[in-house]
């Protein structure tokens, strides 16, 4: 099994078989990392973080507006729905991850 790969952008440790890091940095087979590669990956990483911040701000704004215009009871229902959606998503991702690992072991 190949050694783990270190990402110079987000500093994550990736499996040796990874072609890309979660942040978008693309590993090369020859391990020649240029400054241009790192700069491009850093831009993608910063853009992704900015997008995540905008999404969080939008969710908070919607929750505040719901509280102001619809009342606390509606807000509580919305939060319960969001929590349920997150839990279901995590369960599905866990099941898919387990299935993928089993499928890869059989190859």
Foldseek 3Di string as FASTA:
>chain_A
DAAWDAQPQPRDTHDRPDQADPLGQGADPVRDDDPVSNVVSNVSNVVVVVVVVVVVVVVVVVLVVCCVPVNDVVSVVVVVVVVVVVVVVVVVVVVVVVVVVVVVVVD
